[in-house]
C-alpha atoms as a PDB file:
ATOM      1  CA  MET A   1      -5.734 -75.451  57.150  1.00  0.00           C
ATOM      2  CA  GLN A   2      -4.021 -74.144  54.155  1.00  0.00           C
ATOM      3  CA  GLU A   3      -1.433 -76.522  54.886  1.00  0.00           C
ATOM      4  CA  ILE A   4      -4.152 -79.683  55.012  1.00  0.00           C
ATOM      5  CA  ILE A   5      -4.726 -78.421  51.243  1.00  0.00           C
ATOM      6  CA  LYS A   6      -1.695 -78.632  49.855  1.00  0.00           C
ATOM      7  CA  GLN A   7      -0.587 -82.119  51.331  1.00  0.00           C
ATOM      8  CA  VAL A   8      -4.190 -83.726  51.264  1.00  0.00           C
ATOM      9  CA  TYR A   9      -2.866 -86.893  49.646  1.00  0.00           C
ATOM     10  CA  ASP A  10      -0.432 -87.331  51.835  1.00  0.00           C
ATOM     11  CA  GLU A  11      -0.609 -89.076  55.513  1.00  0.00           C
ATOM     12  CA  GLU A  12      -3.789 -90.534  57.491  1.00  0.00           C
ATOM     13  CA  ARG A  13      -3.123 -87.681  60.095  1.00  0.00           C
ATOM     14  CA  ILE A  14      -3.565 -85.013  57.631  1.00  0.00           C
ATOM     15  CA  ARG A  15      -6.917 -86.655  55.942  1.00  0.00           C
ATOM     16  CA  SER A  16      -8.378 -87.204  59.789  1.00  0.00           C
ATOM     17  CA  GLU A  17      -8.411 -83.366  60.152  1.00  0.00           C
ATOM     18  CA  LEU A  18     -10.242 -83.021  56.991  1.00  0.00           C
ATOM     19  CA  TYR A  19     -13.014 -85.627  58.287  1.00  0.00           C
ATOM     20  CA  TYR A  20     -12.896 -83.846  61.491  1.00  0.00           C
ATOM     21  CA  VAL A  21     -13.610 -80.022  59.898  1.00  0.00           C
ATOM     22  CA  ILE A  22     -16.483 -81.843  57.494  1.00  0.00           C
ATOM     23  CA  SER A  23     -17.908 -83.665  60.565  1.00  0.00           C
ATOM     24  CA  ARG A  24     -18.016 -80.244  62.248  1.00  0.00           C
ATOM     25  CA  LYS A  25     -20.056 -78.818  59.272  1.00  0.00           C
ATOM     26  CA  LEU A  26     -22.225 -81.358  58.821  1.00  0.00           C
ATOM     27  CA  TYR A  27     -23.422 -81.456  62.419  1.00  0.00           C
ATOM     28  CA  GLY A  28     -23.798 -77.982  62.476  1.00  0.00           C
ATOM     29  CA  ILE A  29     -21.195 -76.913  65.087  1.00  0.00           C
ATOM     30  CA  LEU A  30     -20.102 -74.099  63.121  1.00  0.00           C
ATOM     31  CA  ALA A  31     -22.658 -71.387  63.977  1.00  0.00           C
ATOM     32  CA  LYS A  32     -23.691 -69.138  60.705  1.00  0.00           C
ATOM     33  CA  ASP A  33     -21.894 -66.050  62.158  1.00  0.00           C
ATOM     34  CA  GLN A  34     -18.859 -67.783  62.697  1.00  0.00           C
ATOM     35  CA  ASP A  35     -15.605 -67.501  60.500  1.00  0.00           C
ATOM     36  CA  LYS A  36     -16.677 -69.392  57.303  1.00  0.00           C
ATOM     37  CA  THR A  37     -12.821 -70.183  56.456  1.00  0.00           C
ATOM     38  CA  PRO A  38     -13.154 -73.850  57.707  1.00  0.00           C
ATOM     39  CA  TYR A  39     -16.752 -73.983  56.078  1.00  0.00           C
ATOM     40  CA  THR A  40     -15.051 -72.805  52.906  1.00  0.00           C
ATOM     41  CA  ILE A  41     -11.837 -74.872  52.868  1.00  0.00           C
ATOM     42  CA  SER A  42     -13.910 -78.239  54.334  1.00  0.00           C
ATOM     43  CA  TRP A  43     -15.945 -77.905  50.853  1.00  0.00           C
ATOM     44  CA  GLU A  44     -13.147 -77.502  48.811  1.00  0.00           C
ATOM     45  CA  LEU A  45     -11.445 -80.579  49.855  1.00  0.00           C
ATOM     46  CA  TYR A  46     -14.572 -82.831  49.740  1.00  0.00           C
ATOM     47  CA  ASP A  47     -15.015 -81.351  45.894  1.00  0.00           C
ATOM     48  CA  LYS A  48     -11.509 -82.025  45.251  1.00  0.00           C
ATOM     49  CA  LEU A  49     -11.830 -85.756  46.852  1.00  0.00           C
ATOM     50  CA  PHE A  50     -15.203 -86.539  44.768  1.00  0.00           C
ATOM     51  CA  THR A  51     -13.793 -85.614  41.311  1.00  0.00           C
ATOM     52  CA  GLU A  52     -10.081 -86.620  41.519  1.00  0.00           C
ATOM     53  CA  ASP A  53      -9.879 -89.485  44.852  1.00  0.00           C
ATOM     54  CA  LYS A  54     -13.017 -91.291  44.891  1.00  0.00           C
ATOM     55  CA  PRO A  55     -11.488 -93.824  47.074  1.00  0.00           C
ATOM     56  CA  ASN A  56     -10.396 -91.811  49.830  1.00  0.00           C
ATOM     57  CA  LEU A  57     -13.787 -89.929  49.466  1.00  0.00           C
ATOM     58  CA  GLY A  58     -15.293 -93.302  50.593  1.00  0.00           C
ATOM     59  CA  ILE A  59     -12.656 -93.741  53.604  1.00  0.00           C
ATOM     60  CA  MET A  60     -14.039 -90.246  54.535  1.00  0.00           C
ATOM     61  CA  PHE A  61     -17.532 -91.487  54.418  1.00  0.00           C
ATOM     62  CA  MET A  62     -16.508 -94.413  56.733  1.00  0.00           C
ATOM     63  CA  SER A  63     -14.730 -92.146  59.054  1.00  0.00           C
ATOM     64  CA  MET A  64     -18.336 -90.081  59.066  1.00  0.00           C
ATOM     65  CA  ALA A  65     -19.903 -93.164  59.913  1.00  0.00           C
ATOM     66  CA  PHE A  66     -18.139 -94.089  62.908  1.00  0.00           C
ATOM     67  CA  ILE A  67     -17.930 -90.345  63.770  1.00  0.00           C
ATOM     68  CA  SER A  68     -21.992 -90.878  63.977  1.00  0.00           C
ATOM     69  CA  GLU A  69     -21.974 -93.992  65.427  1.00  0.00           C
ATOM     70  CA  ARG A  70     -20.115 -92.656  68.507  1.00  0.00           C
ATOM     71  CA  ARG A  71     -22.956 -90.067  68.650  1.00  0.00           C
ATOM     72  CA  ASN A  72     -25.713 -92.505  68.272  1.00  0.00           C
ATOM     73  CA  ASN A  73     -26.827 -90.941  65.428  1.00  0.00           C
ATOM     74  CA  LYS A  74     -27.870 -94.145  63.997  1.00  0.00           C
ATOM     75  CA  ALA A  75     -29.814 -92.043  60.586  1.00  0.00           C
ATOM     76  CA  ALA A  76     -26.670 -90.435  59.846  1.00  0.00           C
ATOM     77  CA  THR A  77     -24.351 -93.755  60.644  1.00  0.00           C
ATOM     78  CA  ILE A  78     -26.615 -95.584  57.898  1.00  0.00           C
ATOM     79  CA  LYS A  79     -26.449 -92.745  55.551  1.00  0.00           C
ATOM     80  CA  PHE A  80     -22.830 -92.400  55.551  1.00  0.00           C
ATOM     81  CA  PHE A  81     -22.072 -96.257  55.729  1.00  0.00           C
ATOM     82  CA  ASN A  82     -24.178 -96.691  52.522  1.00  0.00           C
ATOM     83  CA  SER A  83     -22.599 -93.520  50.917  1.00  0.00           C
ATOM     84  CA  ALA A  84     -18.958 -95.441  51.457  1.00  0.00           C
ATOM     85  CA  ILE A  85     -20.229 -98.744  49.959  1.00  0.00           C
ATOM     86  CA  GLU A  86     -21.310 -96.619  46.772  1.00  0.00           C
ATOM     87  CA  ILE A  87     -18.120 -94.974  46.696  1.00  0.00           C
ATOM     88  CA  LEU A  88     -16.091 -98.011  47.321  1.00  0.00           C
ATOM     89  CA  ASP A  89     -18.035-100.490  45.026  1.00  0.00           C
ATOM     90  CA  LYS A  90     -17.596 -98.482  41.916  1.00  0.00           C
ATOM     91  CA  ASN A  91     -13.856 -97.152  42.624  1.00  0.00           C
ATOM     92  CA  LEU A  92     -12.558 -99.934  44.866  1.00  0.00           C
ATOM     93  CA  ASN A  93      -8.956-100.165  45.298  1.00  0.00           C
ATOM     94  CA  THR A  94      -7.606-103.818  46.464  1.00  0.00           C
ATOM     95  CA  LYS A  95      -6.423-102.053  49.971  1.00  0.00           C
ATOM     96  CA  ASP A  96      -9.745-100.855  50.199  1.00  0.00           C
ATOM     97  CA  ILE A  97     -11.768-104.419  50.334  1.00  0.00           C
ATOM     98  CA  GLU A  98     -11.416-104.842  53.758  1.00  0.00           C
ATOM     99  CA  LEU A  99     -13.482-101.319  54.324  1.00  0.00           C
ATOM    100  CA  LEU A 100     -16.063-102.027  52.189  1.00  0.00           C
ATOM    101  CA  LEU A 101     -16.709-105.226  53.702  1.00  0.00           C
ATOM    102  CA  LEU A 102     -16.776-103.692  57.217  1.00  0.00           C
ATOM    103  CA  ALA A 103     -19.284-101.199  55.901  1.00  0.00           C
ATOM    104  CA  HIS A 104     -21.602-103.724  54.715  1.00  0.00           C
ATOM    105  CA  GLU A 105     -20.857-105.715  57.977  1.00  0.00           C
ATOM    106  CA  SER A 106     -21.648-102.853  60.147  1.00  0.00           C
ATOM    107  CA  LEU A 107     -25.218-102.120  58.399  1.00  0.00           C
ATOM    108  CA  ILE A 108     -26.192-105.881  58.914  1.00  0.00           C
ATOM    109  CA  ASN A 109     -25.498-105.645  62.655  1.00  0.00           C
ATOM    110  CA  ILE A 110     -27.539-102.137  62.787  1.00  0.00           C
ATOM    111  CA  TYR A 111     -30.381-103.633  60.873  1.00  0.00           C
ATOM    112  CA  SER A 112     -30.206-106.918  62.669  1.00  0.00           C
ATOM    113  CA  LYS A 113     -30.168-105.302  66.169  1.00  0.00           C
ATOM    114  CA  ASP A 114     -33.438-103.339  65.221  1.00  0.00           C
ATOM    115  CA  GLY A 115     -35.174-106.714  63.740  1.00  0.00           C
ATOM    116  CA  LYS A 116     -34.981-105.132  60.218  1.00  0.00           C
ATOM    117  CA  THR A 117     -34.046-108.480  58.471  1.00  0.00           C
ATOM    118  CA  ASP A 118     -34.770-107.418  55.290  1.00  0.00           C
ATOM    119  CA  LYS A 119     -32.649-104.429  55.148  1.00  0.00           C
ATOM    120  CA  ALA A 120     -29.832-106.598  56.483  1.00  0.00           C
ATOM    121  CA  THR A 121     -30.309-109.573  53.504  1.00  0.00           C
ATOM    122  CA  PRO A 122     -28.627-107.252  50.554  1.00  0.00           C
ATOM    123  CA  HIS A 123     -25.591-106.303  52.851  1.00  0.00           C
ATOM    124  CA  LEU A 124     -25.247-110.237  53.650  1.00  0.00           C
ATOM    125  CA  VAL A 125     -25.292-111.133  49.982  1.00  0.00           C
ATOM    126  CA  ALA A 126     -23.231-108.186  49.017  1.00  0.00           C
ATOM    127  CA  TYR A 127     -20.444-109.197  51.478  1.00  0.00           C
ATOM    128  CA  ALA A 128     -20.739-112.848  50.066  1.00  0.00           C
ATOM    129  CA  LYS A 129     -20.045-111.560  46.482  1.00  0.00           C
ATOM    130  CA  LYS A 130     -17.039-109.157  47.489  1.00  0.00           C
ATOM    131  CA  ARG A 131     -15.206-111.225  49.728  1.00  0.00           C
ATOM    132  CA  PRO A 132     -12.099-112.583  48.271  1.00  0.00           C
ATOM    133  CA  GLU A 133     -11.285-115.932  48.131  1.00  0.00           C
ATOM    134  CA  GLY A 134      -9.358-116.848  51.093  1.00  0.00           C
ATOM    135  CA  PHE A 135     -10.385-113.709  53.229  1.00  0.00           C
ATOM    136  CA  GLY A 136     -11.355-114.676  56.822  1.00  0.00           C
ATOM    137  CA  ASP A 137     -13.495-117.206  57.605  1.00  0.00           C
ATOM    138  CA  PRO A 138     -16.420-117.714  55.620  1.00  0.00           C
ATOM    139  CA  LYS A 139     -18.604-119.440  57.986  1.00  0.00           C
ATOM    140  CA  ARG A 140     -18.006-116.660  60.906  1.00  0.00           C
ATOM    141  CA  ALA A 141     -21.429-115.322  61.798  1.00  0.00           C
ATOM    142  CA  LEU A 142     -21.730-111.718  60.858  1.00  0.00           C
ATOM    143  CA  TYR A 143     -24.336-110.806  63.367  1.00  0.00           C
ATOM    144  CA  ALA A 144     -24.509-112.799  66.538  1.00  0.00           C
ATOM    145  CA  GLU A 145     -26.274-112.700  69.744  1.00  0.00           C
ATOM    146  CA  PHE A 146     -24.941-114.404  72.899  1.00  0.00           C
ATOM    147  CA  PRO A 147     -27.061-116.906  74.385  1.00  0.00           C
ATOM    148  CA  ILE A 148     -29.395-116.484  77.164  1.00  0.00           C
ATOM    149  CA  LEU A 149     -27.800-118.888  79.936  1.00  0.00           C
ATOM    150  CA  PRO A 150     -30.263-121.156  81.604  1.00  0.00           C
ATOM    151  CA  SER A 151     -29.940-121.456  85.259  1.00  0.00           C
ATOM    152  CA  ASN A 152     -28.485-125.023  85.506  1.00  0.00           C
ATOM    153  CA  VAL A 153     -25.015-123.334  84.253  1.00  0.00           C
ATOM    154  CA  LYS A 154     -24.549-121.090  87.196  1.00  0.00           C
ATOM    155  CA  GLY A 155     -22.546-121.606  90.218  1.00  0.00           C
ATOM    156  CA  ARG A 156     -21.601-125.525  89.829  1.00  0.00           C
ATOM    157  CA  GLY A 157     -17.587-124.619  89.752  1.00  0.00           C
ATOM    158  CA  LYS A 158     -17.134-126.456  86.492  1.00  0.00           C
ATOM    159  CA  SER A 159     -17.403-126.128  82.407  1.00  0.00           C
ATOM    160  CA  HIS A 160     -20.407-126.251  80.684  1.00  0.00           C
ATOM    161  CA  HIS A 161     -20.309-127.278  77.028  1.00  0.00           C
ATOM    162  CA  ALA A 162     -23.039-127.490  74.414  1.00  0.00           C
ATOM    163  CA  SER A 163     -22.763-127.475  70.301  1.00  0.00           C
ATOM    164  CA  VAL A 164     -25.164-127.121  67.484  1.00  0.00           C
ATOM    165  CA  ARG A 165     -25.313-127.794  63.644  1.00  0.00           C
ATOM    166  CA  PHE A 166     -27.298-125.759  61.383  1.00  0.00           C
ATOM    167  CA  ASP A 167     -27.716-124.847  57.513  1.00  0.00           C
ATOM    168  CA  VAL A 168     -27.536-121.173  56.121  1.00  0.00           C
ATOM    169  CA  ASP A 169     -30.205-120.495  53.477  1.00  0.00           C
ATOM    170  CA  LYS A 170     -29.283-118.428  50.431  1.00  0.00           C
ATOM    171  CA  ASN A 171     -30.195-114.802  52.167  1.00  0.00           C
ATOM    172  CA  GLY A 172     -28.089-115.626  55.683  1.00  0.00           C
ATOM    173  CA  PHE A 173     -30.834-116.945  57.369  1.00  0.00           C
ATOM    174  CA  THR A 174     -30.081-119.959  59.868  1.00  0.00           C
ATOM    175  CA  THR A 175     -32.312-123.351  59.171  1.00  0.00           C
ATOM    176  CA  ASN A 176     -32.403-126.507  60.512  1.00  0.00           C
ATOM    177  CA  ILE A 177     -30.952-125.915  63.864  1.00  0.00           C
ATOM    178  CA  THR A 178     -30.238-129.338  65.788  1.00  0.00           C
ATOM    179  CA  PRO A 179     -28.349-129.631  69.155  1.00  0.00           C
ATOM    180  CA  LEU A 180     -25.485-132.143  69.141  1.00  0.00           C
ATOM    181  CA  THR A 181     -25.540-132.889  72.700  1.00  0.00           C
ATOM    182  CA  THR A 182     -27.613-134.798  75.175  1.00  0.00           C
ATOM    183  CA  ILE A 183     -25.521-133.629  78.279  1.00  0.00           C
ATOM    184  CA  ASN A 184     -26.450-130.236  78.891  1.00  0.00           C
ATOM    185  CA  ILE A 185     -29.668-129.728  76.676  1.00  0.00           C
ATOM    186  CA  GLU A 186     -30.711-126.777  78.109  1.00  0.00           C
ATOM    187  CA  LEU A 187     -27.583-124.685  77.213  1.00  0.00           C
ATOM    188  CA  ALA A 188     -27.626-126.341  73.416  1.00  0.00           C
ATOM    189  CA  ASP A 189     -31.345-124.812  73.666  1.00  0.00           C
ATOM    190  CA  ALA A 190     -29.950-121.097  74.774  1.00  0.00           C
ATOM    191  CA  LEU A 191     -27.133-121.514  71.768  1.00  0.00           C
ATOM    192  CA  ALA A 192     -29.891-122.669  69.026  1.00  0.00           C
ATOM    193  CA  GLU A 193     -32.113-119.779  70.058  1.00  0.00           C
ATOM    194  CA  ALA A 194     -29.462-117.429  69.589  1.00  0.00           C
ATOM    195  CA  ILE A 195     -28.251-118.931  66.348  1.00  0.00           C
ATOM    196  CA  LYS A 196     -31.656-118.520  64.933  1.00  0.00           C
ATOM    197  CA  LYS A 197     -31.238-114.663  65.175  1.00  0.00           C
ATOM    198  CA  SER A 198     -27.536-114.896  63.618  1.00  0.00           C
ATOM    199  CA  ARG A 199     -26.814-114.219  60.174  1.00  0.00           C
ATOM    200  CA  TYR A 200     -24.341-115.349  57.828  1.00  0.00           C
ATOM    201  CA  ALA A 201     -22.679-114.548  54.545  1.00  0.00           C
ATOM    202  CA  PRO A 202     -24.384-117.469  52.260  1.00  0.00           C
ATOM    203  CA  ALA A 203     -22.136-119.195  49.797  1.00  0.00           C
ATOM    204  CA  ILE A 204     -21.635-118.074  46.179  1.00  0.00           C
ATOM    205  CA  LYS A 205     -21.905-119.939  42.933  1.00  0.00           C
ATOM    206  CA  ASP A 206     -21.518-118.881  39.389  1.00  0.00           C
ATOM    207  CA  GLY A 207     -22.255-115.388  40.898  1.00  0.00           C
ATOM    208  CA  GLN A 208     -25.279-116.018  43.011  1.00  0.00           C
ATOM    209  CA  PRO A 209     -26.116-116.839  46.584  1.00  0.00           C
ATOM    210  CA  VAL A 210     -26.430-120.472  47.481  1.00  0.00           C
ATOM    211  CA  PRO A 211     -27.082-122.006  50.978  1.00  0.00           C
ATOM    212  CA  MET A 212     -24.480-123.533  53.088  1.00  0.00           C
ATOM    213  CA  TYR A 213     -24.683-126.836  54.919  1.00  0.00           C
ATOM    214  CA  ARG A 214     -23.418-128.572  58.103  1.00  0.00           C
ATOM    215  CA  LEU A 215     -22.353-125.246  59.981  1.00  0.00           C
ATOM    216  CA  LYS A 216     -21.349-125.645  63.812  1.00  0.00           C
ATOM    217  CA  GLU A 217     -21.329-123.417  66.372  1.00  0.00           C
ATOM    218  CA  SER A 218     -20.014-124.215  70.297  1.00  0.00           C
ATOM    219  CA  ILE A 219     -20.078-122.642  73.614  1.00  0.00           C
ATOM    220  CA  THR A 220     -18.124-123.369  76.681  1.00  0.00           C
ATOM    221  CA  ILE A 221     -18.850-121.780  80.122  1.00  0.00           C
ATOM    222  CA  PHE A 222     -16.697-121.656  82.924  1.00  0.00           C
ATOM    223  CA  THR A 223     -18.687-121.025  86.421  1.00  0.00           C
ATOM    224  CA  GLU A 224     -17.146-120.328  89.673  1.00  0.00           C
ATOM    225  CA  ARG A 225     -17.384-122.333  92.550  1.00  0.00           C
END
């Protein structure tokens, strides 16, 4: 571990060792009667990152969030994603913009799955404001559910296609959802129901969120004979 202290700013492999040690402490795996050296070293490194290298502290919190997510610890996951956002937002390097957007998108998905749409909304707006011009697809759903397929698309040995058109309001909610097909209306209705639950980052004009209009989503299902 002393070698990690000396090389803390080197490669990601060394940083990952730091994240692991700190995660052990935060999850209480180190018993009180065990050797305190890993505990001491981990928090010395934490303090060093906090005072001298805050962007990498943000990266550490992202790692902690993913560790928590794998352990199905939702409260800790939310806490660490929010901590990462707070650090990265204030000490943002260009190379870290994807991490910041990923943290926002992760929280959008967590809150949307739980039906906490009001908590997802600020992250949708923040995502839209922080996304660099030309970065990714601005019309991509940041939270989407797969349609519940109607029975008439099963077992016919052919493809089934449907499309819908819709708008997105300034808070990232979908509105004015309209099927664009009259052939497979059941599948189009199923797609429309899924789009109702989807969330999109709004457009940004003069630094403020504004609606987007006439977006389109499609689905094609290939069924076996």
